[in-house]
Amino acid sequence: MAGFQDLKVWQEAHRLVLRVYEVTASFPDAERYGLVSQAQRAAVSIAANIAEGTKRNTGPDRARFYVIADTSLEEVRYYLILSRDLQYVTMGEYDILWEHAANVGRMLNGLLRSSRQ
């Protein structure tokens, strides 16, 4: 069985984590323990729960971790909206991150469906 690193969805989620870290590095210092911390934590949770889910033995158990990853993805989406509205990111950065998150979501939904079969 391949490791979680071989899953395309994990690879995309990991790239999203790296982008979130990159973008939030330029946020105001006042956001370090607020929006920056929350956005980074939620992004990491997506990839971490995909990784953990791959080691579970049953479909329902795997699905539980993939649902948590999907929930964390929704949280990241909100933080993207907030970052845009606070003008911490440009519209170009927002659009790229939003599409990246949407791509992870599509892939994650496929993984979730397959784990429930």
Protein backbone atom coordinates (compact mmCIF):
# COMPACT_ATOMS: atom_id res chain seq x y z
CA MET A 1 0.00 0.00 0.00
CA ALA A 2 1.30 3.43 -0.94
CA GLY A 3 1.95 6.02 1.73
CA PHE A 4 -0.15 9.13 2.18
CA GLN A 5 2.56 11.14 0.37
CA ASP A 6 1.62 9.32 -2.84
CA LEU A 7 -1.98 10.53 -2.75
CA LYS A 8 -2.61 13.41 -5.16
CA VAL A 9 -5.11 14.91 -2.73
CA TRP A 10 -2.54 14.97 0.07
CA GLN A 11 0.05 16.51 -2.28
CA GLU A 12 -2.40 19.27 -3.24
CA ALA A 13 -3.40 19.81 0.39
CA HIS A 14 0.27 20.08 1.36
CA ARG A 15 0.84 22.65 -1.39
CA LEU A 16 -2.12 24.60 -0.02
CA VAL A 17 -0.54 24.53 3.46
CA LEU A 18 2.69 25.92 2.04
CA ARG A 19 0.81 28.69 0.20
CA VAL A 20 -1.14 29.62 3.33
CA TYR A 21 2.11 29.87 5.28
CA GLU A 22 3.69 31.93 2.51
CA VAL A 23 0.79 34.37 2.22
CA THR A 24 0.19 34.77 5.96
CA ALA A 25 3.87 35.59 6.55
CA SER A 26 3.12 39.12 5.32
CA PHE A 27 0.05 39.67 7.52
CA PRO A 28 0.25 42.34 10.23
CA ASP A 29 2.04 41.33 13.44
CA ALA A 30 -1.21 41.95 15.33
CA GLU A 31 -2.66 38.90 13.51
CA ARG A 32 0.15 36.52 14.51
CA TYR A 33 -1.89 34.84 17.28
CA GLY A 34 -5.22 35.41 15.59
CA LEU A 35 -5.90 35.00 11.90
CA VAL A 36 -2.39 33.80 10.99
CA SER A 37 -2.36 31.08 13.63
CA GLN A 38 -5.91 29.96 12.88
CA ALA A 39 -5.45 29.86 9.11
CA GLN A 40 -2.20 27.92 9.39
CA ARG A 41 -3.65 25.48 11.92
CA ALA A 42 -6.72 24.79 9.78
CA ALA A 43 -4.62 24.31 6.62
CA VAL A 44 -2.29 21.87 8.38
CA SER A 45 -5.33 19.98 9.69
CA ILE A 46 -6.46 19.24 6.13
CA ALA A 47 -3.24 17.47 5.14
CA ALA A 48 -2.73 15.88 8.56
CA ASN A 49 -6.20 14.31 8.64
CA ILE A 50 -5.80 12.97 5.12
CA ALA A 51 -2.51 11.39 6.22
CA GLU A 52 -4.02 9.94 9.38
CA GLY A 53 -7.07 8.64 7.54
CA THR A 54 -4.93 6.58 5.19
CA LYS A 55 -3.70 4.48 8.13
CA ARG A 56 -7.19 3.56 9.32
CA ASN A 57 -8.36 0.02 8.65
CA THR A 58 -12.02 0.49 7.79
CA GLY A 59 -13.81 2.71 5.31
CA PRO A 60 -15.99 4.40 7.94
CA ASP A 61 -12.95 5.09 10.11
CA ARG A 62 -11.06 6.56 7.14
CA ALA A 63 -14.13 8.60 6.20
CA ARG A 64 -14.25 10.16 9.66
CA PHE A 65 -10.77 11.66 9.17
CA TYR A 66 -11.58 12.78 5.63
CA VAL A 67 -14.69 14.56 6.94
CA ILE A 68 -12.52 16.36 9.51
CA ALA A 69 -10.16 17.36 6.67
CA ASP A 70 -13.11 18.66 4.67
CA THR A 71 -14.37 20.63 7.67
CA SER A 72 -10.93 22.18 8.10
CA LEU A 73 -10.98 23.08 4.41
CA GLU A 74 -14.20 25.02 4.95
CA GLU A 75 -12.53 26.84 7.81
CA VAL A 76 -9.62 27.77 5.53
CA ARG A 77 -12.09 29.05 2.95
CA TYR A 78 -13.58 31.38 5.53
CA TYR A 79 -10.12 32.65 6.51
CA LEU A 80 -9.44 33.34 2.83
CA ILE A 81 -12.60 35.44 2.62
CA LEU A 82 -11.69 37.28 5.81
CA SER A 83 -8.14 37.90 4.58
CA ARG A 84 -9.51 39.30 1.33
CA ASP A 85 -12.04 41.52 3.09
CA LEU A 86 -9.37 42.84 5.47
CA GLN A 87 -7.20 43.48 2.40
CA TYR A 88 -4.38 41.29 3.69
CA VAL A 89 -4.27 39.52 0.32
CA THR A 90 -4.72 40.89 -3.18
CA MET A 91 -7.62 39.72 -5.32
CA GLY A 92 -5.11 37.82 -7.44
CA GLU A 93 -3.72 35.97 -4.41
CA TYR A 94 -7.24 35.32 -3.16
CA ASP A 95 -8.38 33.90 -6.51
CA ILE A 96 -5.37 31.58 -6.72
CA LEU A 97 -5.82 30.35 -3.14
CA TRP A 98 -9.58 29.97 -3.57
CA GLU A 99 -9.16 27.86 -6.69
CA HIS A 100 -6.47 25.78 -5.00
CA ALA A 101 -8.82 25.17 -2.05
CA ALA A 102 -11.64 24.27 -4.45
CA ASN A 103 -9.38 21.76 -6.19
CA VAL A 104 -8.45 20.16 -2.86
CA GLY A 105 -12.16 20.04 -2.01
CA ARG A 106 -13.05 18.23 -5.22
CA MET A 107 -10.29 15.69 -4.71
CA LEU A 108 -11.16 15.24 -1.05
CA ASN A 109 -14.82 14.63 -1.91
CA GLY A 110 -13.73 11.88 -4.28
CA LEU A 111 -11.59 10.31 -1.56
CA LEU A 112 -14.47 10.55 0.88
CA ARG A 113 -16.88 8.89 -1.56
CA SER A 114 -14.47 6.03 -2.21
CA SER A 115 -13.92 5.44 1.51
CA ARG A 116 -17.66 5.09 2.07
CA GLN A 117 -18.14 2.37 -0.55
